[in-house]
Amino acid sequence: VQKTESTPKKEKKTYRPPDTHYYKYGRSLFPRLTFEESDREILKMLEEIFLSRYA
């Protein structure tokens, strides 16, 4: 028994946002988020905690 195709094959299409979509130019709109200052403070605190105890 052969299986007959009842539905035609659909073409696969990937969604592409329009050129006006904010993903295309969003980098220039929003400032880059960094945690550099808070990371430095955290590292300094950890150094004080661990290195002063065991020094």
C-alpha atoms as a PDB file:
ATOM      1  CA  VAL A   1       0.000   0.000   0.000  1.00  0.00           C
ATOM      2  CA  GLN A   2       1.509   3.295  -1.096  1.00  0.00           C
ATOM      3  CA  LYS A   3       0.933   6.448   0.853  1.00  0.00           C
ATOM      4  CA  THR A   4      -0.441   9.257  -1.256  1.00  0.00           C
ATOM      5  CA  GLU A   5       0.449  12.853  -0.509  1.00  0.00           C
ATOM      6  CA  SER A   6      -2.711  14.624   0.509  1.00  0.00           C
ATOM      7  CA  THR A   7      -1.144  18.010   1.238  1.00  0.00           C
ATOM      8  CA  PRO A   8       1.215  19.846  -1.092  1.00  0.00           C
ATOM      9  CA  LYS A   9       4.672  20.621   0.277  1.00  0.00           C
ATOM     10  CA  LYS A  10       5.014  24.117   1.639  1.00  0.00           C
ATOM     11  CA  GLU A  11       8.059  26.202   0.887  1.00  0.00           C
ATOM     12  CA  LYS A  12      10.135  26.994   3.946  1.00  0.00           C
ATOM     13  CA  LYS A  13      10.515  30.706   4.481  1.00  0.00           C
ATOM     14  CA  THR A  14      12.513  32.341   7.228  1.00  0.00           C
ATOM     15  CA  TYR A  15      11.149  35.502   8.755  1.00  0.00           C
ATOM     16  CA  ARG A  16      13.282  38.532   8.061  1.00  0.00           C
ATOM     17  CA  PRO A  17      12.394  41.743   9.873  1.00  0.00           C
ATOM     18  CA  PRO A  18      12.021  44.872   7.762  1.00  0.00           C
ATOM     19  CA  ASP A  19      14.867  47.370   7.521  1.00  0.00           C
ATOM     20  CA  THR A  20      13.031  49.703   9.881  1.00  0.00           C
ATOM     21  CA  HIS A  21      13.082  47.112  12.680  1.00  0.00           C
ATOM     22  CA  TYR A  22      15.016  48.251  15.740  1.00  0.00           C
ATOM     23  CA  TYR A  23      17.167  45.096  15.777  1.00  0.00           C
ATOM     24  CA  LYS A  24      18.905  46.403  12.682  1.00  0.00           C
ATOM     25  CA  TYR A  25      19.999  49.689  14.243  1.00  0.00           C
ATOM     26  CA  GLY A  26      19.416  49.100  17.966  1.00  0.00           C
ATOM     27  CA  ARG A  27      23.101  49.139  18.869  1.00  0.00           C
ATOM     28  CA  SER A  28      23.349  52.812  18.061  1.00  0.00           C
ATOM     29  CA  LEU A  29      20.143  53.665  19.957  1.00  0.00           C
ATOM     30  CA  PHE A  30      20.892  52.154  23.352  1.00  0.00           C
ATOM     31  CA  PRO A  31      24.103  52.589  25.343  1.00  0.00           C
ATOM     32  CA  ARG A  32      25.964  49.381  26.054  1.00  0.00           C
ATOM     33  CA  LEU A  33      25.333  48.088  29.571  1.00  0.00           C
ATOM     34  CA  THR A  34      28.497  47.336  31.530  1.00  0.00           C
ATOM     35  CA  PHE A  35      29.125  46.375  35.118  1.00  0.00           C
ATOM     36  CA  GLU A  36      32.794  47.302  35.131  1.00  0.00           C
ATOM     37  CA  GLU A  37      32.634  49.621  38.149  1.00  0.00           C
ATOM     38  CA  SER A  38      30.550  47.291  40.279  1.00  0.00           C
ATOM     39  CA  ASP A  39      32.770  44.349  39.265  1.00  0.00           C
ATOM     40  CA  ARG A  40      35.820  46.253  40.483  1.00  0.00           C
ATOM     41  CA  GLU A  41      34.098  46.997  43.786  1.00  0.00           C
ATOM     42  CA  ILE A  42      33.113  43.349  44.219  1.00  0.00           C
ATOM     43  CA  LEU A  43      36.633  42.131  43.461  1.00  0.00           C
ATOM     44  CA  LYS A  44      38.098  44.636  45.919  1.00  0.00           C
ATOM     45  CA  MET A  45      35.667  43.479  48.603  1.00  0.00           C
ATOM     46  CA  LEU A  46      36.515  39.819  47.964  1.00  0.00           C
ATOM     47  CA  GLU A  47      40.229  40.568  48.136  1.00  0.00           C
ATOM     48  CA  GLU A  48      39.746  42.311  51.475  1.00  0.00           C
ATOM     49  CA  ILE A  49      37.710  39.404  52.839  1.00  0.00           C
ATOM     50  CA  PHE A  50      39.826  36.483  51.671  1.00  0.00           C
ATOM     51  CA  LEU A  51      43.331  37.874  51.390  1.00  0.00           C
ATOM     52  CA  SER A  52      43.287  39.734  54.693  1.00  0.00           C
ATOM     53  CA  ARG A  53      42.102  36.648  56.574  1.00  0.00           C
ATOM     54  CA  TYR A  54      44.677  34.275  55.166  1.00  0.00           C
ATOM     55  CA  ALA A  55      47.603  36.672  54.733  1.00  0.00           C
END
